[in-house]
Amino acid sequence: MSDDVPTAARARLLTALSAAREARRGVPETLEPEVRSFARLSREHGLSISELLIEVKELVRAHVGADEPLFTPKVVGWAVAGYFAGTARS
């Protein structure tokens, strides 16, 4: 969706999502660091939280297929946590 997020971070996330789908063992915890990293880099490159959530949901939908209902809640939660990690409350 956005060209502002580094291509390498998006590629790592897509690889992790595809590997998780192919393994057919649910949502692996190894996916969490990739999602959090992608979210942090998205924030650092100026994406709003709403833009990030739209993008993450689109990536999940496109790369996990019928397992989308299983993946979406965890991936979205990790994305929100990664996006706001290290930020101060105002």
Protein backbone atom coordinates (compact mmCIF):
# COMPACT_ATOMS: atom_id res chain seq x y z
CA MET A 1 0.00 0.00 0.00
CA SER A 2 2.48 2.64 1.11
CA ASP A 3 5.88 3.13 -0.49
CA ASP A 4 7.06 4.82 2.72
CA VAL A 5 7.53 1.55 4.61
CA PRO A 6 10.88 -0.04 3.82
CA THR A 7 10.59 -2.78 1.25
CA ALA A 8 12.78 -5.17 3.23
CA ALA A 9 10.49 -5.02 6.30
CA ARG A 10 7.42 -5.67 4.16
CA ALA A 11 9.19 -8.55 2.39
CA ARG A 12 10.13 -10.16 5.72
CA LEU A 13 6.55 -9.85 6.95
CA LEU A 14 5.14 -11.35 3.75
CA THR A 15 7.60 -14.23 3.91
CA ALA A 16 6.63 -14.89 7.53
CA LEU A 17 2.90 -14.76 6.73
CA SER A 18 3.29 -17.11 3.78
CA ALA A 19 5.40 -19.55 5.80
CA ALA A 20 2.82 -19.54 8.59
CA ARG A 21 0.01 -20.25 6.12
CA GLU A 22 1.95 -23.09 4.49
CA ALA A 23 2.77 -24.66 7.89
CA ARG A 24 -0.97 -24.85 8.67
CA ARG A 25 -0.32 -24.89 12.41
CA GLY A 26 -2.11 -21.71 13.42
CA VAL A 27 -0.48 -18.39 14.18
CA PRO A 28 3.15 -18.97 15.16
CA GLU A 29 4.78 -16.80 17.79
CA THR A 30 7.71 -16.38 15.41
CA LEU A 31 5.46 -14.08 13.38
CA GLU A 32 5.18 -11.56 16.24
CA PRO A 33 8.65 -9.94 15.92
CA GLU A 34 8.18 -9.41 12.18
CA VAL A 35 4.78 -7.79 12.69
CA ARG A 36 6.06 -5.56 15.49
CA SER A 37 9.11 -4.53 13.47
CA PHE A 38 6.99 -3.71 10.44
CA ALA A 39 4.66 -1.62 12.60
CA ARG A 40 7.51 0.29 14.27
CA LEU A 41 9.12 1.06 10.93
CA SER A 42 5.76 2.13 9.56
CA ARG A 43 5.39 4.66 12.39
CA GLU A 44 8.96 5.86 11.89
CA HIS A 45 8.20 6.44 8.22
CA GLY A 46 5.12 8.51 8.94
CA LEU A 47 2.20 6.11 8.60
CA SER A 48 -0.71 6.78 10.92
CA ILE A 49 -2.05 3.93 13.02
CA SER A 50 -5.16 3.77 10.83
CA GLU A 51 -3.05 3.50 7.66
CA LEU A 52 -0.99 0.75 9.28
CA LEU A 53 -4.05 -1.24 10.33
CA ILE A 54 -5.54 -1.04 6.85
CA GLU A 55 -2.27 -2.22 5.35
CA VAL A 56 -1.77 -5.05 7.85
CA LYS A 57 -5.30 -6.31 7.33
CA GLU A 58 -4.85 -6.22 3.56
CA LEU A 59 -1.56 -8.14 3.84
CA VAL A 60 -3.11 -10.78 6.08
CA ARG A 61 -6.10 -11.15 3.76
CA ALA A 62 -3.86 -11.50 0.72
CA HIS A 63 -1.35 -13.93 2.21
CA VAL A 64 -3.16 -16.29 4.59
CA GLY A 65 -6.35 -16.90 2.66
CA ALA A 66 -9.04 -18.85 4.50
CA ASP A 67 -7.07 -18.60 7.77
CA GLU A 68 -7.64 -14.84 7.86
CA PRO A 69 -10.09 -14.99 10.82
CA LEU A 70 -7.48 -16.86 12.84
CA PHE A 71 -4.57 -14.56 11.98
CA THR A 72 -6.18 -11.12 11.97
CA PRO A 73 -6.80 -10.59 15.71
CA LYS A 74 -3.26 -11.57 16.75
CA VAL A 75 -1.51 -9.80 13.90
CA VAL A 76 -3.51 -6.60 14.45
CA GLY A 77 -2.75 -6.74 18.19
CA TRP A 78 0.96 -7.19 17.57
CA ALA A 79 0.90 -4.37 15.01
CA VAL A 80 -0.71 -1.95 17.46
CA ALA A 81 1.75 -2.95 20.19
CA GLY A 82 4.70 -2.57 17.81
CA TYR A 83 3.46 0.75 16.52
CA PHE A 84 3.22 2.31 19.97
CA ALA A 85 6.20 0.54 21.61
CA GLY A 86 8.67 3.08 22.93
CA THR A 87 6.37 6.05 22.55
CA ALA A 88 5.51 8.22 25.51
CA ARG A 89 1.94 8.74 26.63
CA SER A 90 0.82 12.33 26.39
